N, C-alpha and C. Protein backbone atom coordinates (compact mmCIF):
# COMPACT_ATOMS: atom_id res chain seq x y z
N UNK A 1 -4.68 11.39 18.88
CA UNK A 1 -5.63 11.86 19.87
C UNK A 1 -5.91 10.71 20.85
N UNK A 2 -5.43 10.82 22.06
CA UNK A 2 -5.64 9.73 23.02
C UNK A 2 -7.11 9.60 23.42
N UNK A 3 -7.52 8.38 23.65
CA UNK A 3 -8.89 8.11 24.07
C UNK A 3 -8.92 8.18 25.60
N UNK A 4 -9.79 9.00 26.12
CA UNK A 4 -9.90 9.12 27.57
C UNK A 4 -11.31 8.77 28.00
N UNK A 5 -11.39 7.94 29.01
CA UNK A 5 -12.68 7.54 29.56
C UNK A 5 -13.01 8.41 30.76
N UNK A 6 -14.28 8.67 30.95
CA UNK A 6 -14.67 9.41 32.14
C UNK A 6 -14.84 8.45 33.32
N UNK A 7 -15.03 8.99 34.49
CA UNK A 7 -15.10 8.20 35.71
C UNK A 7 -16.22 7.15 35.65
N UNK A 8 -17.37 7.54 35.13
CA UNK A 8 -18.50 6.63 35.06
C UNK A 8 -18.21 5.45 34.12
N UNK A 9 -17.55 5.73 33.01
CA UNK A 9 -17.20 4.66 32.07
C UNK A 9 -16.20 3.69 32.70
N UNK A 10 -15.23 4.23 33.40
CA UNK A 10 -14.23 3.38 34.08
C UNK A 10 -14.92 2.51 35.12
N UNK A 11 -15.84 3.09 35.88
CA UNK A 11 -16.56 2.32 36.90
C UNK A 11 -17.39 1.21 36.29
N UNK A 12 -17.86 1.40 35.07
CA UNK A 12 -18.61 0.34 34.37
C UNK A 12 -17.68 -0.74 33.85
N UNK A 13 -16.51 -0.36 33.39
CA UNK A 13 -15.59 -1.30 32.74
C UNK A 13 -14.83 -2.17 33.74
N UNK A 14 -14.40 -1.61 34.85
CA UNK A 14 -13.57 -2.37 35.80
C UNK A 14 -14.19 -3.69 36.26
N UNK A 15 -15.47 -3.73 36.61
CA UNK A 15 -16.04 -5.03 37.00
C UNK A 15 -15.98 -6.07 35.87
N UNK A 16 -16.12 -5.62 34.64
CA UNK A 16 -16.04 -6.54 33.51
C UNK A 16 -14.63 -7.11 33.36
N UNK A 17 -13.62 -6.27 33.53
CA UNK A 17 -12.24 -6.74 33.46
C UNK A 17 -11.97 -7.74 34.59
N UNK A 18 -12.40 -7.39 35.78
CA UNK A 18 -12.19 -8.28 36.93
C UNK A 18 -12.88 -9.63 36.72
N UNK A 19 -14.09 -9.61 36.18
CA UNK A 19 -14.82 -10.85 35.92
C UNK A 19 -14.11 -11.67 34.84
N UNK A 20 -13.64 -11.00 33.80
CA UNK A 20 -12.93 -11.69 32.71
C UNK A 20 -11.69 -12.41 33.24
N UNK A 21 -10.89 -11.70 34.03
CA UNK A 21 -9.67 -12.29 34.59
C UNK A 21 -10.02 -13.48 35.49
N UNK A 22 -11.07 -13.34 36.28
CA UNK A 22 -11.49 -14.42 37.16
C UNK A 22 -11.96 -15.64 36.36
N UNK A 23 -12.79 -15.41 35.35
CA UNK A 23 -13.34 -16.51 34.55
C UNK A 23 -12.28 -17.19 33.69
N UNK A 24 -11.43 -16.41 33.06
CA UNK A 24 -10.46 -16.96 32.11
C UNK A 24 -9.17 -17.45 32.76
N UNK A 25 -8.74 -16.80 33.83
CA UNK A 25 -7.45 -17.13 34.44
C UNK A 25 -7.57 -17.60 35.89
N UNK A 26 -8.81 -17.65 36.38
CA UNK A 26 -9.08 -18.07 37.75
C UNK A 26 -8.23 -17.28 38.76
N UNK A 27 -8.14 -15.99 38.51
CA UNK A 27 -7.40 -15.11 39.42
C UNK A 27 -8.30 -13.93 39.78
N UNK A 28 -8.45 -13.71 41.05
CA UNK A 28 -9.26 -12.60 41.54
C UNK A 28 -8.36 -11.38 41.69
N UNK A 29 -8.63 -10.34 40.91
CA UNK A 29 -7.80 -9.14 40.99
C UNK A 29 -8.62 -7.99 41.57
N UNK A 30 -7.94 -7.04 42.13
CA UNK A 30 -8.60 -5.89 42.72
C UNK A 30 -8.75 -4.76 41.71
N UNK A 31 -9.30 -3.66 42.20
CA UNK A 31 -9.53 -2.51 41.33
C UNK A 31 -8.24 -1.92 40.76
N UNK A 32 -7.19 -1.90 41.57
CA UNK A 32 -5.93 -1.32 41.10
C UNK A 32 -5.37 -2.08 39.91
N UNK A 33 -5.32 -3.41 40.01
CA UNK A 33 -4.81 -4.21 38.89
C UNK A 33 -5.71 -4.07 37.66
N UNK A 34 -7.01 -4.06 37.88
CA UNK A 34 -7.94 -3.90 36.76
C UNK A 34 -7.75 -2.53 36.10
N UNK A 35 -7.53 -1.50 36.91
CA UNK A 35 -7.30 -0.15 36.39
C UNK A 35 -6.00 -0.09 35.60
N UNK A 36 -4.95 -0.72 36.10
CA UNK A 36 -3.68 -0.75 35.39
C UNK A 36 -3.81 -1.48 34.05
N UNK A 37 -4.55 -2.58 34.05
CA UNK A 37 -4.77 -3.32 32.81
C UNK A 37 -5.57 -2.47 31.83
N UNK A 38 -6.60 -1.80 32.32
CA UNK A 38 -7.39 -0.92 31.46
C UNK A 38 -6.53 0.19 30.88
N UNK A 39 -5.71 0.81 31.71
CA UNK A 39 -4.83 1.87 31.22
C UNK A 39 -3.91 1.36 30.12
N UNK A 40 -3.35 0.18 30.31
CA UNK A 40 -2.46 -0.42 29.31
C UNK A 40 -3.22 -0.65 27.99
N UNK A 41 -4.39 -1.26 28.10
CA UNK A 41 -5.18 -1.56 26.89
C UNK A 41 -5.54 -0.28 26.16
N UNK A 42 -5.96 0.74 26.91
CA UNK A 42 -6.35 2.00 26.27
C UNK A 42 -5.17 2.67 25.59
N UNK A 43 -3.98 2.58 26.18
CA UNK A 43 -2.80 3.24 25.61
C UNK A 43 -2.21 2.45 24.44
N UNK A 44 -2.15 1.14 24.58
CA UNK A 44 -1.48 0.31 23.58
C UNK A 44 -2.41 -0.17 22.47
N UNK A 45 -3.62 -0.58 22.82
CA UNK A 45 -4.52 -1.22 21.86
C UNK A 45 -5.63 -0.28 21.41
N UNK A 46 -6.05 0.61 22.28
CA UNK A 46 -7.12 1.56 21.96
C UNK A 46 -6.92 2.31 20.66
N UNK A 47 -5.70 2.79 20.37
CA UNK A 47 -5.50 3.52 19.12
C UNK A 47 -5.81 2.71 17.86
N UNK A 48 -5.63 1.39 17.91
CA UNK A 48 -5.99 0.56 16.76
C UNK A 48 -7.49 0.65 16.48
N UNK A 49 -8.29 0.51 17.54
CA UNK A 49 -9.74 0.58 17.38
C UNK A 49 -10.18 1.98 16.96
N UNK A 50 -9.57 2.99 17.57
CA UNK A 50 -9.90 4.38 17.23
C UNK A 50 -9.59 4.66 15.76
N UNK A 51 -8.39 4.29 15.34
CA UNK A 51 -8.00 4.54 13.95
C UNK A 51 -8.88 3.77 12.97
N UNK A 52 -9.27 2.57 13.32
CA UNK A 52 -10.17 1.80 12.46
C UNK A 52 -11.51 2.51 12.34
N UNK A 53 -12.01 3.04 13.46
CA UNK A 53 -13.27 3.78 13.43
C UNK A 53 -13.19 5.01 12.56
N UNK A 54 -12.07 5.72 12.64
CA UNK A 54 -11.88 6.91 11.81
C UNK A 54 -11.84 6.51 10.33
N UNK A 55 -11.11 5.44 10.00
CA UNK A 55 -11.03 4.98 8.61
C UNK A 55 -12.39 4.53 8.10
N UNK A 56 -13.14 3.81 8.92
CA UNK A 56 -14.47 3.35 8.52
C UNK A 56 -15.40 4.54 8.30
N UNK A 57 -15.34 5.53 9.18
CA UNK A 57 -16.18 6.73 9.02
C UNK A 57 -15.79 7.49 7.77
N UNK A 58 -14.49 7.61 7.51
CA UNK A 58 -14.03 8.31 6.31
C UNK A 58 -14.53 7.60 5.06
N UNK A 59 -14.42 6.27 5.04
CA UNK A 59 -14.89 5.49 3.89
C UNK A 59 -16.39 5.69 3.69
N UNK A 60 -17.16 5.65 4.77
CA UNK A 60 -18.60 5.84 4.70
C UNK A 60 -18.95 7.20 4.11
N UNK A 61 -18.31 8.25 4.64
CA UNK A 61 -18.64 9.60 4.17
C UNK A 61 -18.13 9.85 2.75
N UNK A 62 -17.00 9.27 2.39
CA UNK A 62 -16.53 9.42 1.01
C UNK A 62 -17.50 8.78 0.03
N UNK A 63 -18.01 7.61 0.39
CA UNK A 63 -19.00 6.93 -0.45
C UNK A 63 -20.25 7.79 -0.61
N UNK A 64 -20.70 8.38 0.48
CA UNK A 64 -21.89 9.24 0.42
C UNK A 64 -21.60 10.51 -0.39
N UNK A 65 -20.40 11.07 -0.24
CA UNK A 65 -20.06 12.29 -0.97
C UNK A 65 -19.92 12.03 -2.47
N UNK A 66 -19.44 10.84 -2.85
CA UNK A 66 -19.30 10.53 -4.27
C UNK A 66 -20.65 10.58 -4.97
N UNK A 67 -21.71 10.23 -4.25
CA UNK A 67 -23.04 10.26 -4.82
C UNK A 67 -23.92 11.22 -4.03
N UNK A 68 -23.38 12.41 -3.76
CA UNK A 68 -24.10 13.37 -2.94
C UNK A 68 -25.46 13.73 -3.53
N UNK A 69 -25.49 13.97 -4.83
CA UNK A 69 -26.76 14.33 -5.44
C UNK A 69 -27.74 13.16 -5.35
N UNK A 70 -27.28 11.95 -5.56
CA UNK A 70 -28.16 10.79 -5.46
C UNK A 70 -28.62 10.54 -4.03
N UNK A 71 -27.76 10.84 -3.08
CA UNK A 71 -28.08 10.63 -1.67
C UNK A 71 -29.05 11.69 -1.16
N UNK A 72 -28.87 12.92 -1.59
CA UNK A 72 -29.64 14.04 -1.02
C UNK A 72 -30.64 14.66 -1.99
N UNK A 73 -30.72 14.17 -3.19
CA UNK A 73 -31.56 14.80 -4.21
C UNK A 73 -33.02 14.69 -3.85
N UNK A 74 -33.73 15.77 -4.06
CA UNK A 74 -35.18 15.82 -3.83
C UNK A 74 -35.84 16.25 -5.14
N UNK A 75 -36.79 15.47 -5.61
CA UNK A 75 -37.47 15.80 -6.87
C UNK A 75 -38.34 17.04 -6.69
N UNK A 76 -38.34 17.87 -7.72
CA UNK A 76 -39.12 19.10 -7.69
C UNK A 76 -40.50 18.87 -8.34
N UNK A 77 -41.39 19.79 -8.04
CA UNK A 77 -42.72 19.82 -8.66
C UNK A 77 -43.42 18.46 -8.64
N UNK A 78 -43.51 17.90 -7.47
CA UNK A 78 -44.14 16.58 -7.34
C UNK A 78 -45.53 16.65 -6.71
N UNK A 79 -45.97 17.84 -6.36
CA UNK A 79 -47.26 17.97 -5.69
C UNK A 79 -48.38 17.33 -6.51
N UNK A 80 -48.49 17.72 -7.78
CA UNK A 80 -49.60 17.24 -8.60
C UNK A 80 -49.40 15.78 -8.97
N UNK A 81 -48.16 15.38 -9.13
CA UNK A 81 -47.91 13.97 -9.45
C UNK A 81 -48.34 13.08 -8.28
N UNK A 82 -48.00 13.50 -7.07
CA UNK A 82 -48.37 12.74 -5.88
C UNK A 82 -49.86 12.81 -5.60
N UNK A 83 -50.50 13.90 -5.98
CA UNK A 83 -51.93 14.12 -5.73
C UNK A 83 -52.78 13.13 -6.52
N UNK A 84 -52.30 12.71 -7.71
CA UNK A 84 -53.07 11.81 -8.58
C UNK A 84 -53.20 10.42 -7.96
N UNK A 85 -52.32 10.06 -7.08
CA UNK A 85 -52.34 8.70 -6.52
C UNK A 85 -53.35 8.56 -5.49
C-alpha cells in the first residue's frame, strides 16, 4: 500500500527538505528538486517506516489480545463494596 501525502502535507514538508539540504550540504535547491527528493524518499524508504509501524501495531494489539480479559475485565457487583469506602 503506497503512502500518499496530500497537498497540505507536501507544502509543509518541502521547506524542511530545502532547509536540510541548505544546512547540511550548503546547496540551495528549489521546490522541484525538493519534490523529486521527497518522491524518491516516499517510494524507496517510506515503505520501511510504514511496514515497521504495521508490525509495531500488530505486536501491540496481539499483546492486548493475549490478555483481553485482563485488559478489558470489569468487576461485577462492586456498588456496595465501593460504597463502604
